C-alpha atoms as a PDB file:
ATOM      1  CA  UNK A   1     106.442 110.096  28.102  1.00  0.00           C
ATOM      2  CA  UNK A   2     110.203 110.238  28.606  1.00  0.00           C
ATOM      3  CA  UNK A   3     110.891 111.085  32.208  1.00  0.00           C
ATOM      4  CA  UNK A   4     113.499 114.193  32.079  1.00  0.00           C
ATOM      5  CA  UNK A   5     114.564 113.540  35.757  1.00  0.00           C
ATOM      6  CA  UNK A   6     115.870 110.472  34.794  1.00  0.00           C
ATOM      7  CA  UNK A   7     117.966 111.645  32.244  1.00  0.00           C
ATOM      8  CA  UNK A   8     119.736 114.135  34.722  1.00  0.00           C
ATOM      9  CA  UNK A   9     119.859 111.750  37.413  1.00  0.00           C
ATOM     10  CA  UNK A  10     123.011 111.855  39.480  1.00  0.00           C
ATOM     11  CA  UNK A  11     125.061 109.052  40.012  1.00  0.00           C
ATOM     12  CA  UNK A  12     126.086 108.264  43.477  1.00  0.00           C
ATOM     13  CA  UNK A  13     129.553 107.838  44.529  1.00  0.00           C
ATOM     14  CA  UNK A  14     131.117 106.307  47.654  1.00  0.00           C
ATOM     15  CA  UNK A  15     131.203 109.365  50.180  1.00  0.00           C
ATOM     16  CA  UNK A  16     128.683 111.608  48.633  1.00  0.00           C
ATOM     17  CA  UNK A  17     125.326 112.795  49.808  1.00  0.00           C
ATOM     18  CA  UNK A  18     123.646 112.202  46.350  1.00  0.00           C
ATOM     19  CA  UNK A  19     120.739 110.151  46.334  1.00  0.00           C
ATOM     20  CA  UNK A  20     119.809 107.549  43.571  1.00  0.00           C
ATOM     21  CA  UNK A  21     116.134 107.566  42.772  1.00  0.00           C
ATOM     22  CA  UNK A  22     114.186 104.497  44.068  1.00  0.00           C
ATOM     23  CA  UNK A  23     111.517 105.381  41.967  1.00  0.00           C
ATOM     24  CA  UNK A  24     111.832 106.901  38.641  1.00  0.00           C
ATOM     25  CA  UNK A  25     108.176 105.843  37.414  1.00  0.00           C
ATOM     26  CA  UNK A  26     107.134 108.742  39.459  1.00  0.00           C
ATOM     27  CA  UNK A  27     104.413 106.838  41.127  1.00  0.00           C
ATOM     28  CA  UNK A  28     101.618 108.027  38.796  1.00  0.00           C
ATOM     29  CA  UNK A  29     102.730 111.817  38.547  1.00  0.00           C
ATOM     30  CA  UNK A  30     103.461 113.191  35.090  1.00  0.00           C
ATOM     31  CA  UNK A  31     106.648 115.340  35.088  1.00  0.00           C
ATOM     32  CA  UNK A  32     106.704 118.699  32.994  1.00  0.00           C
ATOM     33  CA  UNK A  33     108.751 118.385  29.804  1.00  0.00           C
ATOM     34  CA  UNK A  34     111.866 120.698  29.835  1.00  0.00           C
ATOM     35  CA  UNK A  35     111.746 123.741  27.523  1.00  0.00           C
ATOM     36  CA  UNK A  36     112.236 123.198  23.807  1.00  0.00           C
ATOM     37  CA  UNK A  37     115.317 124.081  22.422  1.00  0.00           C
ATOM     38  CA  UNK A  38     114.754 127.296  20.073  1.00  0.00           C
ATOM     39  CA  UNK A  39     117.922 126.789  18.056  1.00  0.00           C
ATOM     40  CA  UNK A  40     119.787 129.733  19.728  1.00  0.00           C
ATOM     41  CA  UNK A  41     119.892 129.224  23.465  1.00  0.00           C
ATOM     42  CA  UNK A  42     118.884 125.709  24.921  1.00  0.00           C
ATOM     43  CA  UNK A  43     118.411 126.992  28.556  1.00  0.00           C
ATOM     44  CA  UNK A  44     118.873 125.162  31.581  1.00  0.00           C
ATOM     45  CA  UNK A  45     116.710 121.820  31.833  1.00  0.00           C
ATOM     46  CA  UNK A  46     116.987 121.310  35.380  1.00  0.00           C
ATOM     47  CA  UNK A  47     118.815 122.197  38.629  1.00  0.00           C
ATOM     48  CA  UNK A  48     119.973 120.265  41.663  1.00  0.00           C
ATOM     49  CA  UNK A  49     120.340 121.820  44.890  1.00  0.00           C
ATOM     50  CA  UNK A  50     121.356 119.935  48.392  1.00  0.00           C
ATOM     51  CA  UNK A  51     120.080 120.818  51.642  1.00  0.00           C
ATOM     52  CA  UNK A  52     122.172 119.966  54.726  1.00  0.00           C
ATOM     53  CA  UNK A  53     121.470 120.133  58.417  1.00  0.00           C
ATOM     54  CA  UNK A  54     124.323 121.334  60.509  1.00  0.00           C
ATOM     55  CA  UNK A  55     122.815 119.410  63.758  1.00  0.00           C
ATOM     56  CA  UNK A  56     119.759 117.724  62.818  1.00  0.00           C
ATOM     57  CA  UNK A  57     118.424 116.763  66.431  1.00  0.00           C
ATOM     58  CA  UNK A  58     118.871 120.279  67.841  1.00  0.00           C
ATOM     59  CA  UNK A  59     115.731 122.461  67.609  1.00  0.00           C
ATOM     60  CA  UNK A  60     117.808 125.419  67.189  1.00  0.00           C
ATOM     61  CA  UNK A  61     120.147 124.641  64.157  1.00  0.00           C
ATOM     62  CA  UNK A  62     121.609 125.776  60.583  1.00  0.00           C
ATOM     63  CA  UNK A  63     120.437 124.453  57.384  1.00  0.00           C
ATOM     64  CA  UNK A  64     122.266 125.137  54.034  1.00  0.00           C
ATOM     65  CA  UNK A  65     121.391 124.987  50.590  1.00  0.00           C
ATOM     66  CA  UNK A  66     124.447 124.289  48.508  1.00  0.00           C
ATOM     67  CA  UNK A  67     124.424 124.582  44.757  1.00  0.00           C
ATOM     68  CA  UNK A  68     124.919 121.583  42.341  1.00  0.00           C
ATOM     69  CA  UNK A  69     128.695 121.444  43.251  1.00  0.00           C
ATOM     70  CA  UNK A  70     127.604 120.375  46.660  1.00  0.00           C
ATOM     71  CA  UNK A  71     130.397 123.133  48.182  1.00  0.00           C
ATOM     72  CA  UNK A  72     128.800 126.578  47.453  1.00  0.00           C
ATOM     73  CA  UNK A  73     126.282 127.945  49.758  1.00  0.00           C
ATOM     74  CA  UNK A  74     123.555 129.850  48.323  1.00  0.00           C
ATOM     75  CA  UNK A  75     121.250 130.069  51.052  1.00  0.00           C
ATOM     76  CA  UNK A  76     121.440 129.966  55.191  1.00  0.00           C
ATOM     77  CA  UNK A  77     118.505 128.887  57.201  1.00  0.00           C
ATOM     78  CA  UNK A  78     118.456 129.825  60.954  1.00  0.00           C
ATOM     79  CA  UNK A  79     115.848 127.140  62.353  1.00  0.00           C
ATOM     80  CA  UNK A  80     114.672 127.456  65.800  1.00  0.00           C
ATOM     81  CA  UNK A  81     112.113 126.501  68.231  1.00  0.00           C
ATOM     82  CA  UNK A  82     110.236 129.623  68.439  1.00  0.00           C
ATOM     83  CA  UNK A  83     108.768 131.939  65.724  1.00  0.00           C
ATOM     84  CA  UNK A  84     110.022 132.945  63.308  1.00  0.00           C
ATOM     85  CA  UNK A  85     110.905 128.933  63.105  1.00  0.00           C
ATOM     86  CA  UNK A  86     113.070 129.764  60.135  1.00  0.00           C
ATOM     87  CA  UNK A  87     114.868 132.781  58.969  1.00  0.00           C
ATOM     88  CA  UNK A  88     116.311 132.231  55.158  1.00  0.00           C
ATOM     89  CA  UNK A  89     119.090 134.511  54.142  1.00  0.00           C
ATOM     90  CA  UNK A  90     120.818 134.604  50.502  1.00  0.00           C
ATOM     91  CA  UNK A  91     124.675 134.369  50.864  1.00  0.00           C
ATOM     92  CA  UNK A  92     125.126 136.418  47.928  1.00  0.00           C
ATOM     93  CA  UNK A  93     124.508 139.795  49.876  1.00  0.00           C
ATOM     94  CA  UNK A  94     123.657 138.243  53.275  1.00  0.00           C
ATOM     95  CA  UNK A  95     120.148 139.735  52.843  1.00  0.00           C
ATOM     96  CA  UNK A  96     116.843 138.018  54.323  1.00  0.00           C
ATOM     97  CA  UNK A  97     114.792 136.398  51.948  1.00  0.00           C
ATOM     98  CA  UNK A  98     112.151 135.095  54.060  1.00  0.00           C
ATOM     99  CA  UNK A  99     110.711 134.140  57.406  1.00  0.00           C
ATOM    100  CA  UNK A 100     108.392 130.925  58.155  1.00  0.00           C
ATOM    101  CA  UNK A 101     106.025 130.481  61.198  1.00  0.00           C
ATOM    102  CA  UNK A 102     104.784 127.169  62.124  1.00  0.00           C
ATOM    103  CA  UNK A 103     101.749 127.049  64.591  1.00  0.00           C
ATOM    104  CA  UNK A 104     100.835 124.631  67.577  1.00  0.00           C
ATOM    105  CA  UNK A 105      97.061 124.463  66.686  1.00  0.00           C
ATOM    106  CA  UNK A 106      96.780 124.302  62.862  1.00  0.00           C
ATOM    107  CA  UNK A 107      99.303 122.633  60.379  1.00  0.00           C
ATOM    108  CA  UNK A 108      99.171 125.989  58.127  1.00  0.00           C
ATOM    109  CA  UNK A 109     102.643 127.404  57.554  1.00  0.00           C
ATOM    110  CA  UNK A 110     102.852 131.063  57.168  1.00  0.00           C
ATOM    111  CA  UNK A 111     105.803 132.628  54.998  1.00  0.00           C
ATOM    112  CA  UNK A 112     106.583 136.182  54.478  1.00  0.00           C
ATOM    113  CA  UNK A 113     108.482 136.313  51.185  1.00  0.00           C
ATOM    114  CA  UNK A 114     110.513 139.716  50.425  1.00  0.00           C
ATOM    115  CA  UNK A 115     107.513 141.214  52.571  1.00  0.00           C
ATOM    116  CA  UNK A 116     104.717 139.577  50.936  1.00  0.00           C
ATOM    117  CA  UNK A 117     102.758 137.348  53.143  1.00  0.00           C
ATOM    118  CA  UNK A 118     101.934 133.803  51.788  1.00  0.00           C
ATOM    119  CA  UNK A 119     100.161 130.626  53.355  1.00  0.00           C
ATOM    120  CA  UNK A 120     100.864 126.884  52.624  1.00  0.00           C
ATOM    121  CA  UNK A 121      97.505 124.975  53.476  1.00  0.00           C
ATOM    122  CA  UNK A 122      97.907 121.334  54.200  1.00  0.00           C
ATOM    123  CA  UNK A 123      95.218 118.937  52.925  1.00  0.00           C
ATOM    124  CA  UNK A 124      94.793 115.062  51.816  1.00  0.00           C
ATOM    125  CA  UNK A 125      95.384 111.936  53.903  1.00  0.00           C
ATOM    126  CA  UNK A 126      97.058 112.743  57.188  1.00  0.00           C
ATOM    127  CA  UNK A 127      97.222 116.317  55.873  1.00  0.00           C
ATOM    128  CA  UNK A 128     100.651 115.812  54.115  1.00  0.00           C
ATOM    129  CA  UNK A 129      99.739 117.878  50.842  1.00  0.00           C
ATOM    130  CA  UNK A 130     100.695 121.482  51.103  1.00  0.00           C
ATOM    131  CA  UNK A 131      99.333 123.925  48.333  1.00  0.00           C
ATOM    132  CA  UNK A 132     100.040 127.725  47.794  1.00  0.00           C
ATOM    133  CA  UNK A 133      99.094 130.529  45.634  1.00  0.00           C
ATOM    134  CA  UNK A 134     101.958 131.217  43.513  1.00  0.00           C
ATOM    135  CA  UNK A 135     102.872 135.226  43.098  1.00  0.00           C
ATOM    136  CA  UNK A 136     105.259 134.365  40.361  1.00  0.00           C
ATOM    137  CA  UNK A 137     102.473 132.574  38.437  1.00  0.00           C
ATOM    138  CA  UNK A 138      99.730 134.915  39.068  1.00  0.00           C
ATOM    139  CA  UNK A 139      98.262 132.925  41.909  1.00  0.00           C
ATOM    140  CA  UNK A 140      98.513 129.301  40.348  1.00  0.00           C
ATOM    141  CA  UNK A 141      97.893 126.767  42.769  1.00  0.00           C
ATOM    142  CA  UNK A 142     101.095 124.877  43.434  1.00  0.00           C
ATOM    143  CA  UNK A 143     101.058 121.580  45.498  1.00  0.00           C
ATOM    144  CA  UNK A 144     103.912 119.758  47.362  1.00  0.00           C
ATOM    145  CA  UNK A 145     102.560 116.260  47.560  1.00  0.00           C
ATOM    146  CA  UNK A 146     104.118 113.060  49.138  1.00  0.00           C
ATOM    147  CA  UNK A 147     105.532 110.539  46.181  1.00  0.00           C
ATOM    148  CA  UNK A 148     105.633 107.470  48.803  1.00  0.00           C
ATOM    149  CA  UNK A 149     102.823 106.776  51.307  1.00  0.00           C
ATOM    150  CA  UNK A 150     105.300 105.720  53.800  1.00  0.00           C
ATOM    151  CA  UNK A 151     107.724 108.675  53.295  1.00  0.00           C
ATOM    152  CA  UNK A 152     105.826 112.251  53.175  1.00  0.00           C
ATOM    153  CA  UNK A 153     109.334 113.680  52.932  1.00  0.00           C
ATOM    154  CA  UNK A 154     109.679 112.237  49.310  1.00  0.00           C
ATOM    155  CA  UNK A 155     107.683 114.749  47.290  1.00  0.00           C
ATOM    156  CA  UNK A 156     106.865 116.370  44.004  1.00  0.00           C
ATOM    157  CA  UNK A 157     105.854 119.923  43.279  1.00  0.00           C
ATOM    158  CA  UNK A 158     102.734 119.836  41.019  1.00  0.00           C
ATOM    159  CA  UNK A 159     101.500 122.980  39.024  1.00  0.00           C
ATOM    160  CA  UNK A 160      98.045 123.888  38.261  1.00  0.00           C
ATOM    161  CA  UNK A 161      97.762 121.287  35.578  1.00  0.00           C
ATOM    162  CA  UNK A 162      98.976 118.578  37.625  1.00  0.00           C
ATOM    163  CA  UNK A 163     102.613 118.349  36.224  1.00  0.00           C
ATOM    164  CA  UNK A 164     105.476 117.642  38.146  1.00  0.00           C
ATOM    165  CA  UNK A 165     108.021 120.798  37.828  1.00  0.00           C
ATOM    166  CA  UNK A 166     110.290 119.933  41.113  1.00  0.00           C
ATOM    167  CA  UNK A 167     110.733 117.172  43.438  1.00  0.00           C
ATOM    168  CA  UNK A 168     112.426 116.699  46.863  1.00  0.00           C
ATOM    169  CA  UNK A 169     113.902 113.424  47.930  1.00  0.00           C
ATOM    170  CA  UNK A 170     115.393 112.748  51.600  1.00  0.00           C
ATOM    171  CA  UNK A 171     119.113 111.614  52.471  1.00  0.00           C
ATOM    172  CA  UNK A 172     119.002 109.240  55.582  1.00  0.00           C
ATOM    173  CA  UNK A 173     122.228 107.631  54.433  1.00  0.00           C
ATOM    174  CA  UNK A 174     125.126 109.857  54.704  1.00  0.00           C
ATOM    175  CA  UNK A 175     126.467 111.675  57.905  1.00  0.00           C
ATOM    176  CA  UNK A 176     124.428 114.828  57.329  1.00  0.00           C
ATOM    177  CA  UNK A 177     120.733 114.828  57.252  1.00  0.00           C
ATOM    178  CA  UNK A 178     118.979 116.660  54.235  1.00  0.00           C
ATOM    179  CA  UNK A 179     118.215 115.811  50.886  1.00  0.00           C
ATOM    180  CA  UNK A 180     118.281 117.049  47.306  1.00  0.00           C
ATOM    181  CA  UNK A 181     115.978 119.247  45.516  1.00  0.00           C
ATOM    182  CA  UNK A 182     115.683 119.154  41.665  1.00  0.00           C
ATOM    183  CA  UNK A 183     114.034 121.633  39.723  1.00  0.00           C
ATOM    184  CA  UNK A 184     112.922 121.765  36.132  1.00  0.00           C
ATOM    185  CA  UNK A 185     112.826 124.343  33.663  1.00  0.00           C
ATOM    186  CA  UNK A 186     109.397 125.807  34.592  1.00  0.00           C
ATOM    187  CA  UNK A 187     111.047 126.626  38.098  1.00  0.00           C
ATOM    188  CA  UNK A 188     114.076 128.240  36.313  1.00  0.00           C
ATOM    189  CA  UNK A 189     112.328 130.876  34.230  1.00  0.00           C
ATOM    190  CA  UNK A 190     113.437 133.538  36.613  1.00  0.00           C
ATOM    191  CA  UNK A 191     115.530 133.952  40.197  1.00  0.00           C
ATOM    192  CA  UNK A 192     112.344 134.908  41.652  1.00  0.00           C
ATOM    193  CA  UNK A 193     110.642 131.993  40.518  1.00  0.00           C
ATOM    194  CA  UNK A 194     113.438 129.429  41.338  1.00  0.00           C
ATOM    195  CA  UNK A 195     113.831 131.294  44.889  1.00  0.00           C
ATOM    196  CA  UNK A 196     110.080 130.775  45.627  1.00  0.00           C
ATOM    197  CA  UNK A 197     110.014 127.388  44.878  1.00  0.00           C
ATOM    198  CA  UNK A 198     113.235 126.890  47.094  1.00  0.00           C
ATOM    199  CA  UNK A 199     111.416 128.919  50.176  1.00  0.00           C
ATOM    200  CA  UNK A 200     108.143 126.800  49.907  1.00  0.00           C
ATOM    201  CA  UNK A 201     110.347 123.618  49.620  1.00  0.00           C
ATOM    202  CA  UNK A 202     112.455 124.106  52.718  1.00  0.00           C
ATOM    203  CA  UNK A 203     109.430 125.582  54.392  1.00  0.00           C
ATOM    204  CA  UNK A 204     107.335 122.449  54.223  1.00  0.00           C
ATOM    205  CA  UNK A 205     110.349 120.046  54.596  1.00  0.00           C
ATOM    206  CA  UNK A 206     111.569 121.614  57.776  1.00  0.00           C
ATOM    207  CA  UNK A 207     108.275 121.724  59.080  1.00  0.00           C
ATOM    208  CA  UNK A 208     107.788 117.603  58.520  1.00  0.00           C
ATOM    209  CA  UNK A 209     111.263 117.155  59.834  1.00  0.00           C
ATOM    210  CA  UNK A 210     110.612 119.257  62.789  1.00  0.00           C
ATOM    211  CA  UNK A 211     107.229 117.070  63.584  1.00  0.00           C
ATOM    212  CA  UNK A 212     109.510 113.901  63.358  1.00  0.00           C
ATOM    213  CA  UNK A 213     112.230 115.241  65.546  1.00  0.00           C
ATOM    214  CA  UNK A 214     109.577 116.068  68.408  1.00  0.00           C
ATOM    215  CA  UNK A 215     107.798 112.852  67.959  1.00  0.00           C
ATOM    216  CA  UNK A 216     111.347 111.026  68.595  1.00  0.00           C
ATOM    217  CA  UNK A 217     112.485 113.147  71.379  1.00  0.00           C
ATOM    218  CA  UNK A 218     109.189 112.383  73.054  1.00  0.00           C
ATOM    219  CA  UNK A 219     109.377 108.942  72.605  1.00  0.00           C
ATOM    220  CA  UNK A 220     112.886 108.678  74.098  1.00  0.00           C
ATOM    221  CA  UNK A 221     112.051 110.683  77.442  1.00  0.00           C
END
């Protein structure tokens, strides 16, 4: 099957935070095909957003989600050490979209998305997979799972049929830590669906990043 992500891979340029794919074979994950063209409106096949940390090594920092142009900020995240560890706001109206709580004694992540309580439950080897029941898809199980054994931040989002509909690739090269999030057409059926995918991705990635930061700081002291 043709890899729809490969056809939309961005070209990396000098000084860019774009990330070239190191594994276009998807390590056994089958990507969801884009929606078929109906002859009138082709619609978007994919959309790539960029995540940037303002001060990566600070437990209280700002995370920005940039649009495809890597300039327009569409979401701003206030990340901190205490609960809620994340407050996600939309830059279009400065309204609160979601809050995210991490816990000391469990790897579960609790989210309140527009007032609705949701949970990301960990599973798999080393508890690196995170699943939740999608409210926009009637409770369908969605799972963020690592693509690479040695880098659990390099992830794909699998739908209930086991097809990859989004992916997150961390950026370790540029001056700003973060990554890119690419969503295929099933994530773009509505603004609410896209927002759900973005919030869940941010929650999982920042939880994993915060664990790495804590380990690194502890080892250095």
